Amino acid sequence: MSGPIALHVNFRGHGLRWPLKDDYEVEVWTTGHELLATLPGRVIRHLVEHHLAGAALQGEIVSRVRKPQAMLPAKGFGRDQRRAFRKQRRSRSAKGM
């Protein structure tokens, strides 16, 4: 991310939208109408920035992870097929030495 972000509060039913400023407060309520916390707007902005930075970092890590070159189907091979695969693997490893 290049810098701080700006959050906006949207009320789609009414078509209202305005920026969430640092000095605004966000109340967190349970579904049972119990107030859990009151968070400043700047904390919400920092939480969103932190989340987005973490998601970007995770995407970068996933893109750099080495992917397997080939995978065999998980099951469905008979004894003879497994023996042939084992023989192929052993012959490949012997050539590499």
N, C-alpha and C. Protein backbone atom coordinates (compact mmCIF):
# COMPACT_ATOMS: atom_id res chain seq x y z
N MET A 1 0.84 -1.19 0.00
CA MET A 1 0.00 0.00 0.00
C MET A 1 0.88 1.24 0.00
N SER A 2 0.37 2.26 -0.64
CA SER A 2 1.18 3.45 -0.80
C SER A 2 1.07 4.43 0.36
N GLY A 3 0.07 4.35 1.19
CA GLY A 3 -0.06 5.29 2.30
C GLY A 3 -1.39 5.13 3.00
N PRO A 4 -1.74 6.12 3.82
CA PRO A 4 -3.00 6.05 4.55
C PRO A 4 -4.20 5.98 3.59
N ILE A 5 -5.25 5.37 4.07
CA ILE A 5 -6.46 5.24 3.26
C ILE A 5 -7.56 6.11 3.87
N ALA A 6 -8.61 6.33 3.10
CA ALA A 6 -9.77 7.07 3.59
C ALA A 6 -10.97 6.13 3.57
N LEU A 7 -11.65 6.00 4.69
CA LEU A 7 -12.84 5.16 4.78
C LEU A 7 -14.08 6.04 4.68
N HIS A 8 -15.13 5.50 4.07
CA HIS A 8 -16.39 6.23 3.94
C HIS A 8 -17.52 5.38 4.50
N VAL A 9 -18.45 6.01 5.17
CA VAL A 9 -19.64 5.35 5.70
C VAL A 9 -20.73 5.48 4.64
N ASN A 10 -21.32 4.34 4.24
CA ASN A 10 -22.36 4.34 3.22
C ASN A 10 -23.68 3.86 3.80
N PHE A 11 -24.74 4.59 3.52
CA PHE A 11 -26.09 4.17 3.86
C PHE A 11 -26.81 3.98 2.53
N ARG A 12 -26.78 2.78 2.01
CA ARG A 12 -27.30 2.52 0.68
C ARG A 12 -28.80 2.77 0.57
N GLY A 13 -29.52 2.49 1.62
CA GLY A 13 -30.97 2.70 1.58
C GLY A 13 -31.33 4.16 1.40
N HIS A 14 -30.52 5.04 1.98
CA HIS A 14 -30.79 6.48 1.91
C HIS A 14 -29.93 7.19 0.87
N GLY A 15 -28.92 6.52 0.36
CA GLY A 15 -28.02 7.14 -0.60
C GLY A 15 -27.04 8.11 0.02
N LEU A 16 -26.83 8.02 1.33
CA LEU A 16 -25.90 8.92 2.01
C LEU A 16 -24.51 8.29 2.08
N ARG A 17 -23.50 9.14 1.99
CA ARG A 17 -22.12 8.68 2.08
C ARG A 17 -21.27 9.83 2.61
N TRP A 18 -20.44 9.55 3.62
CA TRP A 18 -19.50 10.57 4.09
C TRP A 18 -18.26 9.90 4.67
N PRO A 19 -17.14 10.63 4.70
CA PRO A 19 -15.89 10.04 5.18
C PRO A 19 -15.93 9.75 6.68
N LEU A 20 -15.32 8.65 7.07
CA LEU A 20 -15.17 8.31 8.47
C LEU A 20 -13.91 9.03 8.96
N LYS A 21 -14.09 10.03 9.78
CA LYS A 21 -12.96 10.83 10.27
C LYS A 21 -12.38 10.21 11.53
N ASP A 22 -11.14 10.59 11.80
CA ASP A 22 -10.43 10.03 12.96
C ASP A 22 -11.11 10.32 14.29
N ASP A 23 -11.78 11.46 14.40
CA ASP A 23 -12.41 11.81 15.68
C ASP A 23 -13.83 11.27 15.82
N TYR A 24 -14.35 10.58 14.80
CA TYR A 24 -15.66 9.93 14.91
C TYR A 24 -15.53 8.68 15.77
N GLU A 25 -16.64 8.20 16.29
CA GLU A 25 -16.63 6.97 17.08
C GLU A 25 -17.51 5.93 16.41
N VAL A 26 -17.07 4.69 16.46
CA VAL A 26 -17.82 3.56 15.91
C VAL A 26 -18.22 2.68 17.09
N GLU A 27 -19.51 2.48 17.26
CA GLU A 27 -20.01 1.62 18.34
C GLU A 27 -20.16 0.20 17.84
N VAL A 28 -19.72 -0.75 18.64
CA VAL A 28 -19.81 -2.18 18.31
C VAL A 28 -20.85 -2.80 19.23
N TRP A 29 -21.94 -3.31 18.64
CA TRP A 29 -23.05 -3.87 19.39
C TRP A 29 -23.20 -5.35 19.10
N THR A 30 -23.73 -6.11 20.06
CA THR A 30 -24.10 -7.50 19.83
C THR A 30 -25.48 -7.53 19.19
N THR A 31 -25.86 -8.70 18.69
CA THR A 31 -27.21 -8.83 18.14
C THR A 31 -28.26 -8.73 19.24
N GLY A 32 -27.85 -8.93 20.49
CA GLY A 32 -28.76 -8.81 21.63
C GLY A 32 -28.82 -7.39 22.17
N HIS A 33 -28.37 -6.41 21.39
CA HIS A 33 -28.43 -4.99 21.75
C HIS A 33 -27.60 -4.65 22.98
N GLU A 34 -26.42 -5.22 23.04
CA GLU A 34 -25.51 -4.92 24.14
C GLU A 34 -24.27 -4.24 23.56
N LEU A 35 -23.93 -3.07 24.09
CA LEU A 35 -22.77 -2.33 23.61
C LEU A 35 -21.49 -3.02 24.06
N LEU A 36 -20.66 -3.40 23.10
CA LEU A 36 -19.40 -4.07 23.42
C LEU A 36 -18.24 -3.09 23.54
N ALA A 37 -18.16 -2.16 22.59
CA ALA A 37 -17.03 -1.23 22.58
C ALA A 37 -17.37 0.00 21.76
N THR A 38 -16.65 1.07 22.02
CA THR A 38 -16.71 2.27 21.21
C THR A 38 -15.29 2.54 20.73
N LEU A 39 -15.10 2.47 19.41
CA LEU A 39 -13.77 2.61 18.84
C LEU A 39 -13.65 3.93 18.07
N PRO A 40 -12.54 4.62 18.23
CA PRO A 40 -12.32 5.85 17.45
C PRO A 40 -12.16 5.52 15.97
N GLY A 41 -12.52 6.45 15.11
CA GLY A 41 -12.39 6.26 13.67
C GLY A 41 -10.97 5.94 13.25
N ARG A 42 -9.98 6.54 13.93
CA ARG A 42 -8.59 6.28 13.56
C ARG A 42 -8.20 4.83 13.82
N VAL A 43 -8.78 4.20 14.86
CA VAL A 43 -8.48 2.79 15.14
C VAL A 43 -9.06 1.92 14.03
N ILE A 44 -10.28 2.23 13.59
CA ILE A 44 -10.90 1.47 12.50
C ILE A 44 -10.04 1.60 11.24
N ARG A 45 -9.59 2.81 10.94
CA ARG A 45 -8.76 3.02 9.75
C ARG A 45 -7.47 2.22 9.84
N HIS A 46 -6.82 2.23 11.02
CA HIS A 46 -5.58 1.47 11.20
C HIS A 46 -5.83 -0.03 11.08
N LEU A 47 -6.96 -0.50 11.61
CA LEU A 47 -7.28 -1.93 11.49
C LEU A 47 -7.46 -2.33 10.02
N VAL A 48 -8.15 -1.50 9.26
CA VAL A 48 -8.35 -1.80 7.83
C VAL A 48 -7.02 -1.75 7.08
N GLU A 49 -6.19 -0.75 7.37
CA GLU A 49 -4.87 -0.67 6.73
C GLU A 49 -4.04 -1.91 7.06
N HIS A 50 -4.06 -2.32 8.31
CA HIS A 50 -3.31 -3.50 8.75
C HIS A 50 -3.82 -4.75 8.02
N HIS A 51 -5.13 -4.88 7.92
CA HIS A 51 -5.72 -6.04 7.24
C HIS A 51 -5.32 -6.06 5.77
N LEU A 52 -5.40 -4.93 5.09
CA LEU A 52 -5.05 -4.87 3.67
C LEU A 52 -3.57 -5.14 3.45
N ALA A 53 -2.71 -4.61 4.32
CA ALA A 53 -1.28 -4.87 4.19
C ALA A 53 -0.98 -6.35 4.40
N GLY A 54 -1.65 -6.98 5.38
CA GLY A 54 -1.45 -8.41 5.61
C GLY A 54 -1.93 -9.24 4.45
N ALA A 55 -3.06 -8.87 3.84
CA ALA A 55 -3.57 -9.60 2.69
C ALA A 55 -2.63 -9.47 1.50
N ALA A 56 -2.06 -8.27 1.30
CA ALA A 56 -1.10 -8.07 0.21
C ALA A 56 0.15 -8.91 0.43
N LEU A 57 0.64 -8.94 1.67
CA LEU A 57 1.82 -9.73 1.99
C LEU A 57 1.55 -11.21 1.79
N GLN A 58 0.38 -11.67 2.21
CA GLN A 58 0.02 -13.07 2.03
C GLN A 58 -0.05 -13.42 0.55
N GLY A 59 -0.62 -12.54 -0.26
CA GLY A 59 -0.67 -12.77 -1.70
C GLY A 59 0.71 -12.86 -2.32
N GLU A 60 1.63 -12.01 -1.85
CA GLU A 60 3.00 -12.05 -2.36
C GLU A 60 3.69 -13.36 -1.97
N ILE A 61 3.47 -13.80 -0.74
CA ILE A 61 4.08 -15.05 -0.29
C ILE A 61 3.54 -16.23 -1.09
N VAL A 62 2.23 -16.27 -1.28
CA VAL A 62 1.62 -17.36 -2.03
C VAL A 62 2.14 -17.40 -3.46
N SER A 63 2.36 -16.24 -4.06
CA SER A 63 2.85 -16.20 -5.44
C SER A 63 4.29 -16.70 -5.55
N ARG A 64 5.05 -16.66 -4.45
CA ARG A 64 6.44 -17.09 -4.48
C ARG A 64 6.64 -18.54 -4.04
N VAL A 65 5.61 -19.18 -3.54
CA VAL A 65 5.74 -20.55 -3.07
C VAL A 65 5.95 -21.47 -4.27
N ARG A 66 6.91 -22.37 -4.13
CA ARG A 66 7.21 -23.31 -5.20
C ARG A 66 6.06 -24.30 -5.35
N LYS A 67 5.57 -24.41 -6.57
CA LYS A 67 4.46 -25.32 -6.84
C LYS A 67 5.02 -26.67 -7.31
N PRO A 68 4.37 -27.75 -6.96
CA PRO A 68 4.86 -29.05 -7.40
C PRO A 68 4.81 -29.15 -8.93
N GLN A 69 5.81 -29.81 -9.51
CA GLN A 69 5.88 -29.92 -10.97
C GLN A 69 4.80 -30.86 -11.50
N ALA A 70 4.60 -31.95 -10.86
CA ALA A 70 3.59 -32.90 -11.31
C ALA A 70 3.09 -33.68 -10.10
N MET A 71 1.85 -34.05 -10.15
CA MET A 71 1.29 -34.83 -9.05
C MET A 71 0.59 -36.06 -9.62
N LEU A 72 0.76 -37.16 -8.96
CA LEU A 72 0.07 -38.38 -9.34
C LEU A 72 -1.31 -38.38 -8.71
N PRO A 73 -2.27 -39.01 -9.36
CA PRO A 73 -3.58 -39.13 -8.73
C PRO A 73 -3.46 -39.82 -7.38
N ALA A 74 -4.31 -39.45 -6.44
CA ALA A 74 -4.18 -39.90 -5.06
C ALA A 74 -4.38 -41.40 -4.89
N LYS A 75 -5.32 -41.98 -5.62
CA LYS A 75 -5.56 -43.41 -5.42
C LYS A 75 -6.11 -44.03 -6.70
N GLY A 76 -6.30 -45.33 -6.66
CA GLY A 76 -6.86 -46.02 -7.81
C GLY A 76 -5.82 -46.82 -8.57
N PHE A 77 -4.60 -46.92 -8.04
CA PHE A 77 -3.57 -47.69 -8.73
C PHE A 77 -3.50 -49.09 -8.14
N GLY A 78 -3.35 -50.05 -9.01
CA GLY A 78 -3.18 -51.43 -8.58
C GLY A 78 -1.74 -51.70 -8.16
N ARG A 79 -1.52 -52.92 -7.67
CA ARG A 79 -0.20 -53.30 -7.18
C ARG A 79 0.86 -53.19 -8.27
N ASP A 80 0.54 -53.64 -9.49
CA ASP A 80 1.51 -53.59 -10.58
C ASP A 80 1.85 -52.16 -10.97
N GLN A 81 0.85 -51.28 -10.98
CA GLN A 81 1.12 -49.87 -11.31
C GLN A 81 1.98 -49.22 -10.25
N ARG A 82 1.70 -49.48 -8.99
CA ARG A 82 2.51 -48.92 -7.92
C ARG A 82 3.95 -49.41 -8.02
N ARG A 83 4.13 -50.70 -8.34
CA ARG A 83 5.47 -51.28 -8.50
C ARG A 83 6.22 -50.58 -9.64
N ALA A 84 5.51 -50.32 -10.75
CA ALA A 84 6.13 -49.64 -11.90
C ALA A 84 6.53 -48.20 -11.53
N PHE A 85 5.66 -47.48 -10.81
CA PHE A 85 5.99 -46.13 -10.37
C PHE A 85 7.20 -46.13 -9.44
N ARG A 86 7.25 -47.08 -8.53
CA ARG A 86 8.35 -47.19 -7.59
C ARG A 86 9.65 -47.44 -8.36
N LYS A 87 9.60 -48.31 -9.37
CA LYS A 87 10.77 -48.62 -10.18
C LYS A 87 11.24 -47.37 -10.93
N GLN A 88 10.29 -46.59 -11.47
CA GLN A 88 10.64 -45.35 -12.18
C GLN A 88 11.33 -44.36 -11.23
N ARG A 89 10.77 -44.19 -10.04
CA ARG A 89 11.35 -43.25 -9.07
C ARG A 89 12.76 -43.65 -8.70
N ARG A 90 12.95 -44.95 -8.47
CA ARG A 90 14.28 -45.42 -8.07
C ARG A 90 15.28 -45.26 -9.19
N SER A 91 14.85 -45.47 -10.44
CA SER A 91 15.78 -45.32 -11.55
C SER A 91 16.14 -43.85 -11.75
N ARG A 92 15.20 -42.94 -11.50
CA ARG A 92 15.49 -41.51 -11.61
C ARG A 92 16.48 -41.07 -10.54
N SER A 93 16.30 -41.56 -9.32
CA SER A 93 17.19 -41.15 -8.24
C SER A 93 18.59 -41.77 -8.43
N ALA A 94 18.67 -42.93 -9.03
CA ALA A 94 19.97 -43.54 -9.28
C ALA A 94 20.72 -42.77 -10.37
N LYS A 95 20.01 -42.21 -11.35
CA LYS A 95 20.65 -41.43 -12.41
C LYS A 95 21.19 -40.12 -11.87
N GLY A 96 20.52 -39.56 -10.86
CA GLY A 96 20.93 -38.29 -10.29
C GLY A 96 22.19 -38.38 -9.46
N MET A 97 22.56 -39.58 -9.02
CA MET A 97 23.75 -39.74 -8.15
C MET A 97 25.00 -39.80 -8.93
